[in-house]
Amino acid sequence: MSIGNVLLVDDEEKLRTLLKRIISLEGYSIFEAGNIKSACRILEKEPIQIILCDVKLPDGNGVDFVSQIKAKYPEPEIILLTAFGNIADGVQAMKNGAFDYIIKGDDNDKIIPLLNRALEKIQLQKRVAQLEKQVNIKYGFENILGKSSLIMQAIELAKKVAPSEATVLLLGETGTGKEVFAQAIHNGSKKKGKPFMALNCSAFGKEILESEIFGHKAGAFTGANRDKRGLIEEADGGTLFLDEIGEMHIELQTKLLRVLETNEFIKVGDTKSTRVDVRIIAATNRDLQKDVNQGHFREDLYYRLNVFTILLPALRDRKKDIPILAEYFVNVFSKKTGQTIEEMSPDFMEHLQQHDWKGNIRELKNVIERAVILSENQILTLTNLPMELQVINHKPQTLSAFDLASVEKLHIHRVLNHTRGNKMEAAKLLNIGLTTLYRKIEEYGISTQ
């Protein structure tokens, strides 16, 4: 079995025959061409990995041919052969994209190791491309599951802001998938492929959090035996996701504001500034406007973070997405546990859809994992659910012409018409939170078009 396809391009037939014998013994398949025109015909038909090409050919120059090949076929690696060493040609060949440049005869013993290195590079690039594709799938917008109007609106907003450099503020309850959105926004931006660093601000006290974000110099405090790069420096060129930003101490908010305004910060114990190019995506489950009014959050930082806000709906407000999410988690945990789960029983699904899901998607994920582990057959049933999910509190769903819900629905619809669909303005006029308005729109099936 061939380990790779090599194209020999040289007008000397004897040399091609010699090289073919040497290279084919190593397990490579050989294709031959006496000029550039013939080589191009072969490249159009065959999946060539490596090209061994003479510099002087009847219909052109091998150094220039490298540029032509790379423009049309970027994957193959090209090794140039010449009868006479020429430093200028060698330099230009490498600039044009050649893998290497060797002298005929003198360097014949280098050809096989060189071919093997070129093949290793090609295989490594393929593995990297595959990994990048997997990462794109894992962290792309395609990975955000759901078809409800609320989640689709959030996805569309995130897609629009992703290519920009704008700071994004993600609002939503714990467990609604804020980090998944942050990763998708990063992956859809110009900073894709650069570092994505995430930190939960509620997980640390003030001093540790300051060091984690901004880093410190050796001797800055007891135990600081060496310099440490903070996450904001680690994320240079990429994105820093700060979850639960509302829990950040107000003194640290000042340092973060400086980063947003000047792209500079000072490490703990340092005297000079460090410059970074970082996009900030922040998230919180708190009412930051309320925190600003109470003096717990800096107003100037709030407006800096609030450049582009995306509200992530709670799971109870998008219950039509529960079957999609449940099926996904069943497949994930079935593979992890080696079990075969073919379906979820109707009563199992009914109880999932009736639950309030205060822990949102994270809670649903944990419930499905537990159910898969407890399952003794190929169907998930009611008995696989936690006891608190096995009881349904039925609520009447129909609306009469005289009940309060019908009146509320009509009033919300009128206010939305008055504001021409502006939900933030409508929420202010109704004197309710924006999250509550979105929930009622979904609950009553109110069209906002």
Protein backbone atom coordinates (compact mmCIF):
# COMPACT_ATOMS: atom_id res chain seq x y z
CA MET A 1 0.00 0.00 0.00
CA SER A 2 1.33 3.42 -1.01
CA ILE A 3 2.30 5.81 1.79
CA GLY A 4 2.00 8.83 -0.55
CA ASN A 5 1.98 10.02 -4.15
CA VAL A 6 5.11 11.71 -5.54
CA LEU A 7 5.26 13.60 -8.83
CA LEU A 8 8.71 13.73 -10.52
CA VAL A 9 9.04 16.70 -12.89
CA ASP A 10 12.30 16.58 -14.91
CA ASP A 11 13.12 16.49 -18.61
CA GLU A 12 15.99 14.01 -18.04
CA GLU A 13 14.36 10.58 -18.39
CA LYS A 14 17.38 8.71 -16.95
CA LEU A 15 17.29 10.79 -13.78
CA ARG A 16 13.53 10.20 -13.42
CA THR A 17 14.09 6.46 -13.79
CA LEU A 18 16.81 6.48 -11.10
CA LEU A 19 14.73 8.56 -8.67
CA LYS A 20 11.66 6.45 -9.34
CA ARG A 21 13.57 3.27 -8.40
CA ILE A 22 14.96 4.83 -5.19
CA ILE A 23 11.70 6.42 -4.03
CA SER A 24 9.33 3.58 -4.94
CA LEU A 25 11.35 1.18 -2.75
CA GLU A 26 10.27 3.34 0.25
CA GLY A 27 6.60 2.69 -0.51
CA TYR A 28 5.73 5.84 -2.50
CA SER A 29 3.68 5.79 -5.72
CA ILE A 30 5.46 7.67 -8.51
CA PHE A 31 4.03 9.85 -11.30
CA GLU A 32 6.31 11.31 -13.99
CA ALA A 33 6.29 14.46 -16.13
CA GLY A 34 8.92 15.86 -18.50
CA ASN A 35 7.67 19.44 -18.42
CA ILE A 36 5.36 21.86 -16.63
CA LYS A 37 2.43 21.29 -18.98
CA SER A 38 2.46 17.52 -18.37
CA ALA A 39 2.84 18.10 -14.62
CA CYS A 40 -0.26 20.31 -14.58
CA ARG A 41 -2.32 17.60 -16.32
CA ILE A 42 -1.26 15.07 -13.68
CA LEU A 43 -2.04 17.48 -10.83
CA GLU A 44 -5.56 17.95 -12.22
CA LYS A 45 -6.23 14.20 -12.11
CA GLU A 46 -4.18 12.72 -9.26
CA PRO A 47 -4.01 13.45 -5.49
CA ILE A 48 -0.31 14.35 -5.33
CA GLN A 49 1.27 14.89 -1.90
CA ILE A 50 4.88 15.73 -2.85
CA ILE A 51 6.43 17.20 -6.02
CA LEU A 52 10.12 16.78 -6.90
CA CYS A 53 10.71 19.38 -9.57
CA ASP A 54 13.76 20.44 -11.61
CA VAL A 55 14.51 24.18 -11.72
CA LYS A 56 15.27 24.32 -15.46
CA LEU A 57 12.47 22.82 -17.58
CA PRO A 58 11.78 23.05 -21.33
CA ASP A 59 8.67 25.20 -20.86
CA GLY A 60 9.42 27.20 -17.73
CA ASN A 61 11.33 27.72 -14.51
CA GLY A 62 10.75 25.50 -11.46
CA VAL A 63 11.10 28.41 -9.01
CA ASP A 64 8.24 30.27 -10.73
CA PHE A 65 6.29 27.01 -11.06
CA VAL A 66 6.23 26.73 -7.25
CA SER A 67 4.09 29.88 -7.04
CA GLN A 68 1.73 28.59 -9.74
CA ILE A 69 1.28 25.26 -7.96
CA LYS A 70 0.72 26.80 -4.53
CA ALA A 71 -1.87 29.23 -5.93
CA LYS A 72 -3.97 26.40 -7.36
CA TYR A 73 -2.95 23.38 -5.23
CA PRO A 74 -1.84 24.57 -1.77
CA GLU A 75 -1.67 21.07 -0.21
CA PRO A 76 1.32 19.42 -2.01
CA GLU A 77 4.83 20.06 -0.68
CA ILE A 78 7.39 20.95 -3.35
CA ILE A 79 11.09 20.07 -3.34
CA LEU A 80 13.19 21.73 -6.06
CA LEU A 81 16.14 20.00 -7.75
CA THR A 82 18.95 21.84 -9.53
CA ALA A 83 22.20 20.84 -11.20
CA PHE A 84 23.96 23.90 -9.83
CA GLY A 85 23.57 25.44 -6.38
CA ASN A 86 22.25 28.98 -6.54
CA ILE A 87 21.58 30.79 -3.25
CA ALA A 88 19.32 33.42 -4.86
CA ASP A 89 17.14 30.73 -6.49
CA GLY A 90 17.01 28.81 -3.22
CA VAL A 91 15.86 31.84 -1.24
CA GLN A 92 13.23 32.74 -3.84
CA ALA A 93 12.00 29.14 -4.00
CA MET A 94 11.41 29.08 -0.22
CA LYS A 95 9.64 32.46 -0.41
CA ASN A 96 7.38 31.05 -3.13
CA GLY A 97 6.41 28.18 -0.84
CA ALA A 98 8.87 25.38 -1.62
CA PHE A 99 9.49 22.83 1.16
CA ASP A 100 13.22 22.61 0.33
CA TYR A 101 15.83 23.07 -2.38
CA ILE A 102 18.57 20.49 -3.06
CA ILE A 103 21.37 19.84 -5.57
CA LYS A 104 21.13 16.87 -7.94
CA GLY A 105 23.66 14.10 -7.40
CA ASP A 106 25.36 15.63 -4.36
CA ASP A 107 22.20 15.46 -2.25
CA ASN A 108 20.65 12.17 -3.46
CA ASP A 109 21.09 10.64 -0.01
CA LYS A 110 18.97 13.47 1.40
CA ILE A 111 15.95 12.82 -0.83
CA ILE A 112 14.28 10.01 1.16
CA PRO A 113 14.59 11.73 4.59
CA LEU A 114 13.36 14.92 2.95
CA LEU A 115 10.35 13.16 1.41
CA ASN A 116 9.51 11.60 4.78
CA ARG A 117 9.66 14.98 6.53
CA ALA A 118 7.47 16.55 3.85
CA LEU A 119 4.93 13.72 4.26
CA GLU A 120 4.97 14.14 8.04
CA LYS A 121 4.21 17.84 7.60
CA ILE A 122 1.29 17.07 5.30
CA GLN A 123 -0.14 14.50 7.73
CA LEU A 124 0.25 16.91 10.64
CA GLN A 125 -1.55 19.66 8.72
CA LYS A 126 -4.41 17.25 8.01
CA ARG A 127 -4.71 16.33 11.68
CA VAL A 128 -4.69 20.00 12.66
CA ALA A 129 -7.40 20.74 10.05
CA GLN A 130 -9.51 17.87 11.40
CA LEU A 131 -9.10 19.10 14.97
CA GLU A 132 -10.00 22.64 13.92
CA LYS A 133 -13.11 21.30 12.20
CA GLN A 134 -14.08 19.40 15.35
CA VAL A 135 -13.50 22.51 17.46
CA ASN A 136 -15.60 24.59 15.06
CA ILE A 137 -18.43 22.08 15.33
CA LYS A 138 -18.12 21.84 19.10
CA TYR A 139 -17.99 25.56 19.74
CA GLY A 140 -19.82 26.95 16.71
CA PHE A 141 -23.37 28.29 16.60
CA GLU A 142 -24.44 24.91 15.19
CA ASN A 143 -23.80 23.47 18.64
CA ILE A 144 -26.42 25.71 20.27
CA LEU A 145 -29.48 23.49 20.29
CA GLY A 146 -33.05 24.70 20.01
CA LYS A 147 -35.70 25.92 17.60
CA SER A 148 -37.81 28.15 19.86
CA SER A 149 -38.16 31.79 18.85
CA LEU A 150 -36.32 33.06 21.95
CA ILE A 151 -33.18 30.99 21.42
CA MET A 152 -33.20 31.67 17.68
CA GLN A 153 -33.35 35.43 18.38
CA ALA A 154 -30.38 35.13 20.75
CA ILE A 155 -28.40 33.12 18.17
CA GLU A 156 -29.11 35.64 15.41
CA LEU A 157 -27.93 38.52 17.61
CA ALA A 158 -24.77 36.60 18.54
CA LYS A 159 -24.04 35.85 14.87
CA LYS A 160 -24.35 39.53 14.00
CA VAL A 161 -22.01 40.75 16.73
CA ALA A 162 -19.43 37.92 16.42
CA PRO A 163 -17.39 39.36 13.49
CA SER A 164 -17.05 42.75 15.20
CA GLU A 165 -14.68 43.71 18.00
CA ALA A 166 -17.55 44.90 20.21
CA THR A 167 -17.70 44.00 23.90
CA VAL A 168 -20.65 41.66 24.57
CA LEU A 169 -22.72 41.29 27.72
CA LEU A 170 -24.62 38.00 28.08
CA LEU A 171 -27.56 38.11 30.47
CA GLY A 172 -29.33 35.03 31.77
CA GLU A 173 -29.87 32.71 34.67
CA THR A 174 -27.24 30.22 35.79
CA GLY A 175 -27.13 27.21 33.49
CA THR A 176 -28.56 28.88 30.38
CA GLY A 177 -25.40 28.30 28.31
CA LYS A 178 -23.62 31.65 28.54
CA GLU A 179 -20.14 30.14 28.09
CA VAL A 180 -21.31 28.14 25.06
CA PHE A 181 -22.52 31.41 23.51
CA ALA A 182 -19.25 33.15 24.39
CA GLN A 183 -17.23 30.39 22.72
CA ALA A 184 -19.44 30.51 19.62
CA ILE A 185 -19.04 34.30 19.38
CA HIS A 186 -15.26 33.92 19.68
CA ASN A 187 -15.24 31.17 17.07
CA GLY A 188 -17.25 33.35 14.69
CA SER A 189 -14.92 36.33 15.09
CA LYS A 190 -11.68 37.47 13.48
CA LYS A 191 -9.95 36.21 16.64
CA LYS A 192 -10.92 32.63 15.84
CA GLY A 193 -7.91 30.38 16.32
CA LYS A 194 -6.51 32.72 18.98
CA PRO A 195 -6.81 31.96 22.72
CA PHE A 196 -10.22 31.79 24.41
CA MET A 197 -9.86 32.09 28.18
CA ALA A 198 -12.76 31.79 30.62
CA LEU A 199 -13.00 32.70 34.30
CA ASN A 200 -15.86 32.60 36.81
CA CYS A 201 -15.52 35.78 38.90
CA SER A 202 -17.61 34.33 41.74
CA ALA A 203 -15.13 31.50 42.34
CA PHE A 204 -12.38 33.65 43.93
CA GLY A 205 -11.88 36.33 46.55
CA LYS A 206 -10.67 39.81 45.55
CA GLU A 207 -6.90 39.22 45.88
CA ILE A 208 -6.84 35.85 44.12
CA LEU A 209 -9.19 37.07 41.40
CA GLU A 210 -6.95 40.08 40.74
CA SER A 211 -3.94 37.81 40.34
CA GLU A 212 -5.87 35.34 38.15
CA ILE A 213 -7.02 38.07 35.77
CA PHE A 214 -4.09 40.49 35.73
CA GLY A 215 -1.16 38.34 36.93
CA HIS A 216 1.54 39.41 39.39
CA LYS A 217 5.25 40.06 39.77
CA ALA A 218 7.47 37.94 41.99
CA GLY A 219 7.43 39.28 45.56
CA ALA A 220 4.12 41.12 45.10
CA PHE A 221 2.70 39.27 48.11
CA THR A 222 3.51 36.36 50.40
CA GLY A 223 3.84 33.21 48.31
CA ALA A 224 4.41 35.05 45.02
CA ASN A 225 7.77 33.39 44.33
CA ARG A 226 7.78 34.06 40.60
CA ASP A 227 6.11 36.17 37.93
CA LYS A 228 2.69 34.99 36.81
CA ARG A 229 0.84 35.86 33.63
CA GLY A 230 -2.84 36.60 34.20
CA LEU A 231 -5.63 35.30 31.99
CA ILE A 232 -5.97 38.68 30.31
CA GLU A 233 -2.37 38.34 29.08
CA GLU A 234 -2.83 34.67 28.20
CA ALA A 235 -5.81 35.72 26.07
CA ASP A 236 -3.78 38.35 24.17
CA GLY A 237 -4.98 38.39 20.57
CA GLY A 238 -8.09 36.46 21.51
CA THR A 239 -11.07 36.59 23.86
CA LEU A 240 -11.45 36.73 27.64
CA PHE A 241 -14.82 35.51 28.96
CA LEU A 242 -15.64 36.80 32.44
CA ASP A 243 -18.61 34.90 33.85
CA GLU A 244 -20.57 36.29 36.80
CA ILE A 245 -19.04 39.74 36.25
CA GLY A 246 -21.49 41.15 38.78
CA GLU A 247 -19.57 39.41 41.56
CA MET A 248 -16.33 41.26 40.78
CA HIS A 249 -15.07 43.54 43.57
CA ILE A 250 -15.54 47.22 42.72
CA GLU A 251 -11.77 47.92 42.95
CA LEU A 252 -11.09 45.31 40.28
CA GLN A 253 -13.84 46.81 38.15
CA THR A 254 -11.67 49.93 37.91
CA LYS A 255 -8.74 47.91 36.52
CA LEU A 256 -11.01 46.14 34.03
CA LEU A 257 -12.42 49.49 32.90
CA ARG A 258 -8.87 50.66 32.12
CA VAL A 259 -8.34 47.61 29.89
CA LEU A 260 -11.53 48.38 27.97
CA GLU A 261 -10.54 52.02 27.56
CA THR A 262 -6.78 51.79 26.89
CA ASN A 263 -5.97 48.10 26.22
CA GLU A 264 -3.49 48.34 29.10
CA PHE A 265 -3.28 46.98 32.65
CA ILE A 266 -0.79 46.79 35.52
CA LYS A 267 0.09 43.46 37.10
CA VAL A 268 -0.06 43.12 40.87
CA GLY A 269 3.27 44.43 42.23
CA ASP A 270 4.35 45.92 38.90
CA THR A 271 5.06 49.57 38.11
CA LYS A 272 4.67 49.59 34.36
CA SER A 273 1.74 48.86 32.09
CA THR A 274 1.31 45.79 29.91
CA ARG A 275 -0.48 46.23 26.60
CA VAL A 276 -2.90 43.61 25.24
CA ASP A 277 -5.33 43.11 22.37
CA VAL A 278 -8.25 41.29 24.00
CA ARG A 279 -11.96 41.14 23.34
CA ILE A 280 -14.04 41.01 26.52
CA ILE A 281 -17.23 38.98 26.72
CA ALA A 282 -18.92 39.27 30.11
CA ALA A 283 -21.89 37.44 31.58
CA THR A 284 -24.07 37.71 34.65
CA ASN A 285 -27.30 36.46 36.18
CA ARG A 286 -27.62 39.69 38.20
CA ASP A 287 -29.51 42.89 37.42
CA LEU A 288 -26.48 45.11 36.81
CA GLN A 289 -28.59 48.25 36.44
CA LYS A 290 -29.95 47.64 39.93
CA ASP A 291 -26.40 47.03 41.22
CA VAL A 292 -25.32 50.33 39.64
CA ASN A 293 -28.17 52.17 41.36
CA GLN A 294 -27.16 50.61 44.69
CA GLY A 295 -23.48 51.50 44.24
CA HIS A 296 -22.28 47.89 43.92
CA PHE A 297 -21.23 48.15 40.27
CA ARG A 298 -19.44 50.98 38.47
CA GLU A 299 -21.77 52.84 36.12
CA ASP A 300 -19.00 53.64 33.62
CA LEU A 301 -17.98 49.96 33.47
CA TYR A 302 -21.62 48.92 33.04
CA TYR A 303 -21.96 51.14 29.97
CA ARG A 304 -18.64 49.88 28.60
CA LEU A 305 -19.79 46.27 28.96
CA ASN A 306 -23.30 46.99 27.76
CA VAL A 307 -22.24 47.83 24.19
CA PHE A 308 -24.10 44.79 22.88
CA THR A 309 -26.42 42.81 25.17
CA ILE A 310 -27.84 39.37 24.46
CA LEU A 311 -30.52 37.90 26.71
CA LEU A 312 -30.37 34.10 27.02
CA PRO A 313 -33.79 32.63 27.81
CA ALA A 314 -34.41 30.31 30.75
CA LEU A 315 -35.27 26.72 29.83
CA ARG A 316 -38.79 27.09 31.28
CA ASP A 317 -39.38 29.82 28.67
CA ARG A 318 -38.37 27.57 25.76
CA LYS A 319 -39.92 24.23 26.69
CA LYS A 320 -40.40 23.21 23.07
CA ASP A 321 -36.58 22.81 23.00
CA ILE A 322 -36.55 20.26 25.84
CA PRO A 323 -37.02 17.19 23.54
CA ILE A 324 -34.11 18.36 21.34
CA LEU A 325 -31.80 18.94 24.30
CA ALA A 326 -32.86 15.71 26.03
CA GLU A 327 -32.18 13.63 22.91
CA TYR A 328 -28.74 15.22 22.56
CA PHE A 329 -27.79 14.48 26.18
CA VAL A 330 -29.15 10.91 25.90
CA ASN A 331 -26.82 10.31 22.94
CA VAL A 332 -23.85 11.86 24.76
CA PHE A 333 -24.25 9.85 27.96
CA SER A 334 -25.18 6.64 26.13
CA LYS A 335 -21.80 6.76 24.39
CA LYS A 336 -19.99 7.58 27.63
CA THR A 337 -21.58 4.70 29.54
CA GLY A 338 -21.60 2.23 26.65
CA GLN A 339 -25.38 1.81 26.89
CA THR A 340 -27.90 1.66 24.05
CA ILE A 341 -30.84 3.97 24.68
CA GLU A 342 -33.25 3.97 21.76
CA GLU A 343 -36.05 6.18 23.04
CA MET A 344 -37.67 8.10 25.90
CA SER A 345 -41.16 7.04 26.95
CA PRO A 346 -44.06 9.52 26.51
CA ASP A 347 -44.55 9.95 30.27
CA PHE A 348 -40.79 10.48 30.72
CA MET A 349 -40.87 13.31 28.16
CA GLU A 350 -44.11 14.74 29.54
CA HIS A 351 -42.60 15.08 33.00
CA LEU A 352 -39.45 16.71 31.55
CA GLN A 353 -41.57 19.33 29.80
CA GLN A 354 -43.69 20.06 32.88
CA HIS A 355 -40.72 20.67 35.19
CA ASP A 356 -39.72 24.28 35.99
CA TRP A 357 -35.95 23.72 35.47
CA LYS A 358 -34.64 26.34 37.89
CA GLY A 359 -31.13 25.06 37.08
CA ASN A 360 -31.87 25.37 33.33
CA ILE A 361 -29.89 23.34 30.76
CA ARG A 362 -27.29 22.33 33.35
CA GLU A 363 -30.02 20.75 35.51
CA LEU A 364 -31.53 18.94 32.51
CA LYS A 365 -28.09 17.60 31.59
CA ASN A 366 -27.60 16.19 35.11
CA VAL A 367 -31.08 14.63 35.14
CA ILE A 368 -30.51 12.89 31.78
CA GLU A 369 -27.08 11.62 32.88
CA ARG A 370 -28.64 10.12 36.02
CA ALA A 371 -31.48 8.56 33.99
CA VAL A 372 -29.09 6.93 31.52
CA ILE A 373 -26.97 5.50 34.35
CA LEU A 374 -30.05 4.08 36.12
CA SER A 375 -31.64 2.68 32.95
CA GLU A 376 -31.76 -1.11 32.75
CA ASN A 377 -33.22 -1.33 29.25
CA GLN A 378 -33.28 0.62 25.99
CA ILE A 379 -36.12 2.95 26.99
CA LEU A 380 -35.95 5.74 29.54
CA THR A 381 -39.08 5.66 31.70
CA LEU A 382 -40.60 7.69 34.51
CA THR A 383 -38.86 5.56 37.15
CA ASN A 384 -35.48 6.78 35.86
CA LEU A 385 -36.29 10.36 36.89
CA PRO A 386 -35.60 11.85 40.33
CA MET A 387 -38.60 11.65 42.67
CA GLU A 388 -39.31 15.39 42.48
CA LEU A 389 -39.74 15.11 38.69
CA GLN A 390 -42.16 12.19 38.92
CA VAL A 391 -44.99 14.46 40.11
CA ILE A 392 -46.68 16.91 37.73
CA ASN A 393 -48.59 19.94 38.90
CA HIS A 394 -51.02 20.39 36.02
CA LYS A 395 -51.97 23.97 35.19
CA PRO A 396 -54.87 24.94 32.93
CA GLN A 397 -53.54 26.01 29.55
CA THR A 398 -56.69 27.28 27.75
CA LEU A 399 -57.50 30.97 27.83
CA SER A 400 -61.12 32.16 27.94
CA ALA A 401 -62.29 35.52 26.70
CA PHE A 402 -62.70 36.77 30.27
CA ASP A 403 -59.74 35.43 32.23
CA LEU A 404 -56.85 37.63 33.35
CA ALA A 405 -54.33 35.89 31.07
CA SER A 406 -56.34 36.78 27.96
CA VAL A 407 -56.55 40.41 29.04
CA GLU A 408 -52.78 40.43 29.75
CA LYS A 409 -52.02 38.92 26.36
CA LEU A 410 -54.13 41.54 24.57
CA HIS A 411 -52.54 44.38 26.57
CA ILE A 412 -48.96 43.20 25.84
CA HIS A 413 -49.85 42.88 22.17
CA ARG A 414 -51.17 46.48 22.10
CA VAL A 415 -48.10 47.86 23.87
CA LEU A 416 -45.77 46.05 21.44
CA ASN A 417 -47.74 47.57 18.56
CA HIS A 418 -47.37 50.97 20.18
CA THR A 419 -43.56 50.56 20.47
CA ARG A 420 -43.38 49.01 16.97
CA GLY A 421 -41.89 45.84 18.35
CA ASN A 422 -39.27 47.49 20.58
CA LYS A 423 -39.26 45.04 23.49
CA MET A 424 -37.06 47.09 25.81
CA GLU A 425 -39.38 50.11 25.49
CA ALA A 426 -42.43 47.87 25.87
CA ALA A 427 -41.02 46.36 29.07
CA LYS A 428 -40.52 49.86 30.50
CA LEU A 429 -44.10 50.87 29.66
CA LEU A 430 -45.46 47.64 31.15
CA ASN A 431 -43.24 48.14 34.22
CA ILE A 432 -41.88 44.58 34.00
CA GLY A 433 -38.43 43.12 33.41
CA LEU A 434 -37.26 42.38 29.88
CA THR A 435 -36.86 38.70 30.79
CA THR A 436 -40.47 38.58 32.00
CA LEU A 437 -41.69 40.17 28.76
CA TYR A 438 -39.84 37.61 26.64
CA ARG A 439 -41.33 34.81 28.73
CA LYS A 440 -44.87 36.13 28.29
CA ILE A 441 -44.37 36.59 24.55
CA GLU A 442 -43.33 32.96 24.29
CA GLU A 443 -46.07 31.74 26.67
CA TYR A 444 -48.89 33.54 24.84
CA GLY A 445 -47.50 32.99 21.37
CA ILE A 446 -47.51 36.72 20.63
CA SER A 447 -46.17 37.62 17.20
CA THR A 448 -43.52 40.36 17.28
CA GLN A 449 -43.12 40.69 13.54
